[in-house]
Amino acid sequence: MTDYVIRGGELGKARLRVLAQALWPTTRYLLNSAGLSAGQVCLDVGCGGGDVTLELARVVGSVGSVTGIDIDSTKLALAQQEAADAGITNVEFRVLGVDQLRDEAQYDLVYARFLLTHLRDPVAALHRMVKATKPGGVVIVEDLYHGDIIRYPACPALDQHVRLYNQVVRLRGADTEIGPKLPELFRQVGLRQLQLSHVQPAFLEGAGKQIHRITLENVAPALIAAGLATEAEIKALCAELDHFAQNAHTIMSFPRVFQVWAYRD
């Protein structure tokens, strides 16, 4: 998990908050479709800043519980404080990578968003998630196809951002286009009753329209370390992306997000 290319800590959590707010309507629909309900015991793998974790905790209620795991202790500390401030007591955060997950048949629902795209061995991670799920429980994954982003009109800065992001992730042995591969990965780990959907939020204004600039800023240290771009080049690209996003006549979308869920025998 040391291959994660996007900056962590408080800046990383702020980026995840933008993602979470934009995606929550479609994630909520996904979770409900997959059977999220009161009283369940849930696991959020690679939970980041805990945005989905806390929403899960609200739904399962006091008779249920939710555990969020992530490798970023700073994000988890901030998430734990948010839970305390909101009076949410049925949630626990653990500093743990999916490669260290040893829980077996403990959870009714296991969820991950934008995790597998960063892993060299996503099948091994899915195996661990399946083992953590109770028989009859559900595994839910949301992940991206980074090459498919809607923009209007053309935006050369976005094209360059996509190329750079894809390059640096692939250098780490991970997959920026894992989304449509998810059903086959689920089959490889023996999950059944596969369900598939996909979403792609697009924006005329607001923070969601800035997500590519924000992501580029957060991946900048990895790009510079890999020799793919200089600080000055990244700064110029960020300025161009910001200018594009601030224009009320442009459209910008997230990458396409594939949503897959299935059940353990």
Protein backbone atom coordinates (compact mmCIF):
# COMPACT_ATOMS: atom_id res chain seq x y z
CA MET A 1 0.00 0.00 0.00
CA THR A 2 3.03 2.32 0.02
CA ASP A 3 2.40 2.67 -3.73
CA TYR A 4 -0.58 4.98 -3.19
CA VAL A 5 0.24 8.03 -5.33
CA ILE A 6 -2.21 10.62 -3.98
CA ARG A 7 -1.14 12.78 -1.06
CA GLY A 8 -2.64 11.83 2.31
CA GLY A 9 -3.16 13.76 5.54
CA GLU A 10 -5.41 16.80 5.86
CA LEU A 11 -5.03 17.88 2.22
CA GLY A 12 -5.85 14.40 1.05
CA LYS A 13 -8.91 14.30 3.29
CA ALA A 14 -10.15 17.61 1.87
CA ARG A 15 -9.96 16.12 -1.63
CA LEU A 16 -11.88 13.04 -0.50
CA ARG A 17 -14.57 15.25 1.01
CA VAL A 18 -15.20 16.84 -2.40
CA LEU A 19 -15.48 13.37 -3.93
CA ALA A 20 -17.74 12.12 -1.16
CA GLN A 21 -20.17 15.01 -1.37
CA ALA A 22 -20.50 14.72 -5.14
CA LEU A 23 -20.84 10.93 -5.13
CA TRP A 24 -22.98 10.39 -2.04
CA PRO A 25 -26.38 10.41 -3.86
CA THR A 26 -25.26 7.63 -6.21
CA THR A 27 -23.35 5.75 -3.49
CA ARG A 28 -26.41 5.87 -1.21
CA TYR A 29 -28.55 4.43 -4.01
CA LEU A 30 -25.95 1.71 -4.59
CA LEU A 31 -25.79 0.75 -0.91
CA ASN A 32 -29.56 0.64 -0.63
CA SER A 33 -29.80 -1.48 -3.78
CA ALA A 34 -27.29 -3.91 -2.31
CA GLY A 35 -29.33 -4.30 0.87
CA LEU A 36 -27.85 -1.91 3.43
CA SER A 37 -30.18 -1.87 6.43
CA ALA A 38 -30.41 -1.18 10.15
CA GLY A 39 -28.63 -3.58 12.46
CA GLN A 40 -25.95 -4.70 10.03
CA VAL A 41 -22.24 -5.02 10.80
CA CYS A 42 -20.24 -3.29 8.05
CA LEU A 43 -16.63 -2.82 6.98
CA ASP A 44 -15.37 0.13 4.88
CA VAL A 45 -12.01 -0.87 3.36
CA GLY A 46 -9.66 1.97 2.46
CA CYS A 47 -12.13 4.34 4.08
CA GLY A 48 -9.97 7.47 3.74
CA GLY A 49 -11.57 10.33 5.64
CA GLY A 50 -14.51 8.19 6.72
CA ASP A 51 -17.24 10.00 4.80
CA VAL A 52 -19.00 6.81 3.69
CA THR A 53 -18.13 5.07 6.97
CA LEU A 54 -20.09 7.64 8.97
CA GLU A 55 -23.04 7.46 6.59
CA LEU A 56 -23.06 3.67 6.98
CA ALA A 57 -23.05 4.10 10.75
CA ARG A 58 -26.06 6.41 10.58
CA VAL A 59 -28.02 3.87 8.55
CA VAL A 60 -27.21 0.73 10.55
CA GLY A 61 -28.06 2.54 13.79
CA SER A 62 -27.20 1.73 17.37
CA VAL A 63 -27.92 -1.99 16.97
CA GLY A 64 -25.44 -2.17 14.09
CA SER A 65 -21.78 -1.21 13.83
CA VAL A 66 -19.25 -0.06 11.25
CA THR A 67 -15.47 -0.41 11.07
CA GLY A 68 -13.38 1.75 8.75
CA ILE A 69 -9.82 0.75 7.91
CA ASP A 70 -7.12 2.76 6.14
CA ILE A 71 -3.35 3.21 6.14
CA ASP A 72 -3.54 6.98 6.75
CA SER A 73 -3.59 7.60 10.50
CA THR A 74 -4.08 11.35 10.06
CA LYS A 75 -7.28 10.91 8.03
CA LEU A 76 -8.55 8.34 10.53
CA ALA A 77 -7.93 10.64 13.49
CA LEU A 78 -9.89 13.38 11.77
CA ALA A 79 -12.69 10.93 10.96
CA GLN A 80 -12.81 9.73 14.56
CA GLN A 81 -13.13 13.32 15.73
CA GLU A 82 -15.96 13.91 13.26
CA ALA A 83 -17.75 10.87 14.62
CA ALA A 84 -17.34 12.12 18.18
CA ASP A 85 -18.55 15.61 17.25
CA ALA A 86 -21.63 14.12 15.58
CA GLY A 87 -22.36 11.78 18.49
CA ILE A 88 -21.86 8.66 16.36
CA THR A 89 -20.77 5.91 18.72
CA ASN A 90 -21.26 2.76 16.62
CA VAL A 91 -18.17 3.31 14.48
CA GLU A 92 -14.53 2.29 14.89
CA PHE A 93 -11.52 3.34 12.81
CA ARG A 94 -8.42 1.15 12.56
CA VAL A 95 -5.05 1.89 10.96
CA LEU A 96 -4.87 -1.16 8.74
CA GLY A 97 -4.16 -1.92 5.09
CA VAL A 98 -6.29 -4.40 3.17
CA ASP A 99 -3.20 -6.61 2.89
CA GLN A 100 -3.23 -6.85 6.70
CA LEU A 101 -6.94 -7.64 6.97
CA ARG A 102 -7.39 -10.97 8.77
CA ASP A 103 -11.06 -10.78 9.81
CA GLU A 104 -13.10 -13.82 8.83
CA ALA A 105 -16.88 -14.01 8.35
CA GLN A 106 -17.52 -10.99 10.56
CA TYR A 107 -19.43 -8.53 8.36
CA ASP A 108 -22.81 -8.41 6.66
CA LEU A 109 -21.53 -5.81 4.19
CA VAL A 110 -18.00 -5.05 3.01
CA TYR A 111 -17.46 -1.92 0.91
CA ALA A 112 -14.54 -0.24 -0.89
CA ARG A 113 -14.39 2.82 -3.13
CA PHE A 114 -11.38 3.82 -5.26
CA LEU A 115 -9.15 1.30 -3.52
CA LEU A 116 -8.53 -1.51 -6.01
CA THR A 117 -7.34 0.95 -8.66
CA HIS A 118 -4.28 1.65 -6.48
CA LEU A 119 -3.29 -1.96 -5.77
CA ARG A 120 -0.80 -4.17 -7.57
CA ASP A 121 -2.87 -7.22 -6.68
CA PRO A 122 -6.55 -6.29 -6.52
CA VAL A 123 -7.61 -9.95 -6.60
CA ALA A 124 -5.73 -10.64 -3.36
CA ALA A 125 -7.48 -7.65 -1.78
CA LEU A 126 -10.87 -8.92 -2.95
CA HIS A 127 -10.08 -12.36 -1.49
CA ARG A 128 -9.48 -10.75 1.90
CA MET A 129 -12.70 -8.75 1.61
CA VAL A 130 -14.65 -11.90 0.77
CA LYS A 131 -13.13 -13.77 3.73
CA ALA A 132 -14.20 -10.93 6.01
CA THR A 133 -17.80 -11.22 4.78
CA LYS A 134 -20.33 -13.52 6.43
CA PRO A 135 -21.88 -16.26 4.27
CA GLY A 136 -24.77 -14.59 2.48
CA GLY A 137 -23.22 -11.17 3.02
CA VAL A 138 -22.53 -8.64 0.28
CA VAL A 139 -19.30 -7.21 -1.14
CA ILE A 140 -19.62 -3.80 -2.82
CA VAL A 141 -16.96 -2.00 -4.84
CA GLU A 142 -16.95 1.34 -6.63
CA ASP A 143 -13.98 2.03 -8.85
CA LEU A 144 -13.06 4.13 -11.82
CA TYR A 145 -12.27 4.14 -15.49
CA HIS A 146 -9.95 7.12 -15.55
CA GLY A 147 -9.68 7.43 -19.31
CA ASP A 148 -13.35 8.32 -19.67
CA ILE A 149 -13.93 11.93 -18.59
CA ILE A 150 -16.50 14.25 -20.16
CA ARG A 151 -15.39 17.81 -20.87
CA TYR A 152 -16.80 20.48 -23.11
CA PRO A 153 -15.28 22.17 -24.95
CA ALA A 154 -11.87 20.54 -25.42
CA CYS A 155 -9.44 20.98 -22.52
CA PRO A 156 -5.79 20.18 -23.34
CA ALA A 157 -4.81 20.65 -19.69
CA LEU A 158 -7.20 17.89 -18.68
CA ASP A 159 -5.82 15.62 -21.39
CA GLN A 160 -2.33 16.14 -19.99
CA HIS A 161 -3.51 15.58 -16.42
CA VAL A 162 -5.11 12.28 -17.41
CA ARG A 163 -1.89 11.16 -19.15
CA LEU A 164 0.27 12.09 -16.18
CA TYR A 165 -2.03 10.49 -13.61
CA ASN A 166 -2.29 7.28 -15.61
CA GLN A 167 1.49 7.15 -16.08
CA VAL A 168 2.37 7.55 -12.42
CA VAL A 169 -0.21 5.02 -11.24
CA ARG A 170 0.90 2.48 -13.83
CA LEU A 171 4.52 2.97 -12.79
CA ARG A 172 3.42 1.72 -9.37
CA GLY A 173 1.92 -1.38 -10.97
CA ALA A 174 -1.70 -0.35 -10.47
CA ASP A 175 -4.64 0.08 -12.86
CA THR A 176 -6.40 3.37 -13.63
CA GLU A 177 -8.96 1.61 -15.82
CA ILE A 178 -10.04 -1.17 -13.45
CA GLY A 179 -13.74 -0.23 -13.38
CA PRO A 180 -15.08 -2.40 -16.23
CA LYS A 181 -12.85 -5.28 -15.11
CA LEU A 182 -14.56 -5.54 -11.72
CA PRO A 183 -17.19 -8.16 -12.66
CA GLU A 184 -14.50 -10.56 -13.85
CA LEU A 185 -12.45 -9.93 -10.69
CA PHE A 186 -15.54 -10.70 -8.60
CA ARG A 187 -16.00 -13.97 -10.49
CA GLN A 188 -12.37 -14.90 -9.81
CA VAL A 189 -12.96 -14.74 -6.05
CA GLY A 190 -16.15 -16.80 -6.20
CA LEU A 191 -18.81 -14.16 -5.60
CA ARG A 192 -22.31 -14.83 -6.96
CA GLN A 193 -25.40 -12.94 -8.14
CA LEU A 194 -23.29 -10.18 -9.70
CA GLN A 195 -24.89 -6.79 -10.17
CA LEU A 196 -23.40 -3.92 -12.21
CA SER A 197 -24.10 -0.24 -12.63
CA HIS A 198 -22.10 2.87 -13.45
CA VAL A 199 -22.39 6.59 -12.83
CA GLN A 200 -20.59 9.72 -13.99
CA PRO A 201 -21.45 13.00 -12.24
CA ALA A 202 -20.89 16.09 -14.40
CA PHE A 203 -20.85 19.72 -13.34
CA LEU A 204 -21.46 23.24 -14.58
CA GLU A 205 -20.13 24.80 -11.36
CA GLY A 206 -19.04 24.06 -7.82
CA ALA A 207 -16.33 22.07 -6.08
CA GLY A 208 -16.99 18.93 -8.11
CA LYS A 209 -15.88 20.74 -11.24
CA GLN A 210 -12.49 21.33 -9.60
CA ILE A 211 -11.78 17.70 -8.79
CA HIS A 212 -9.12 17.22 -11.49
CA ARG A 213 -7.18 20.30 -10.40
CA ILE A 214 -7.41 19.13 -6.78
CA THR A 215 -6.27 15.64 -7.72
CA LEU A 216 -3.35 16.97 -9.75
CA GLU A 217 -2.22 19.08 -6.79
CA ASN A 218 -2.38 16.01 -4.54
CA VAL A 219 -0.53 13.74 -6.95
CA ALA A 220 2.14 16.36 -7.70
CA PRO A 221 4.78 14.97 -5.27
CA ALA A 222 4.57 11.54 -6.91
CA LEU A 223 4.78 13.03 -10.40
CA ILE A 224 7.83 15.10 -9.51
CA ALA A 225 9.52 12.16 -7.76
CA ALA A 226 8.97 10.00 -10.87
CA GLY A 227 10.41 12.69 -13.15
CA LEU A 228 7.17 12.93 -15.14
CA ALA A 229 6.64 16.66 -14.58
CA THR A 230 8.28 19.63 -12.90
CA GLU A 231 6.73 21.76 -10.19
CA ALA A 232 6.40 24.63 -12.66
CA GLU A 233 4.65 22.41 -15.23
CA ILE A 234 2.19 21.16 -12.64
CA LYS A 235 1.50 24.68 -11.41
CA ALA A 236 0.75 25.81 -14.98
CA LEU A 237 -1.57 22.84 -15.58
CA CYS A 238 -3.42 23.52 -12.33
CA ALA A 239 -3.94 27.14 -13.37
CA GLU A 240 -5.37 26.02 -16.73
CA LEU A 241 -7.68 23.49 -15.08
CA ASP A 242 -8.87 26.12 -12.62
CA HIS A 243 -9.54 28.58 -15.44
CA PHE A 244 -11.54 25.94 -17.31
CA ALA A 245 -13.55 25.04 -14.21
CA GLN A 246 -14.32 28.68 -13.37
CA ASN A 247 -15.83 29.27 -16.81
CA ALA A 248 -19.63 29.01 -16.49
CA HIS A 249 -19.90 27.82 -20.09
CA THR A 250 -17.80 24.67 -19.66
CA ILE A 251 -18.72 21.16 -18.50
CA MET A 252 -16.49 18.85 -16.48
CA SER A 253 -17.23 15.36 -15.19
CA PHE A 254 -15.70 12.82 -12.86
CA PRO A 255 -14.21 9.70 -14.40
CA ARG A 256 -16.81 7.00 -15.04
CA VAL A 257 -17.43 5.08 -11.80
CA PHE A 258 -18.32 1.39 -12.05
CA GLN A 259 -20.40 -0.05 -9.22
CA VAL A 260 -20.40 -3.82 -8.62
CA TRP A 261 -21.91 -5.85 -5.82
CA ALA A 262 -22.29 -9.58 -5.24
CA TYR A 263 -22.80 -12.12 -2.48
CA ARG A 264 -20.68 -14.65 -0.65
CA ASP A 265 -21.83 -18.28 -0.57
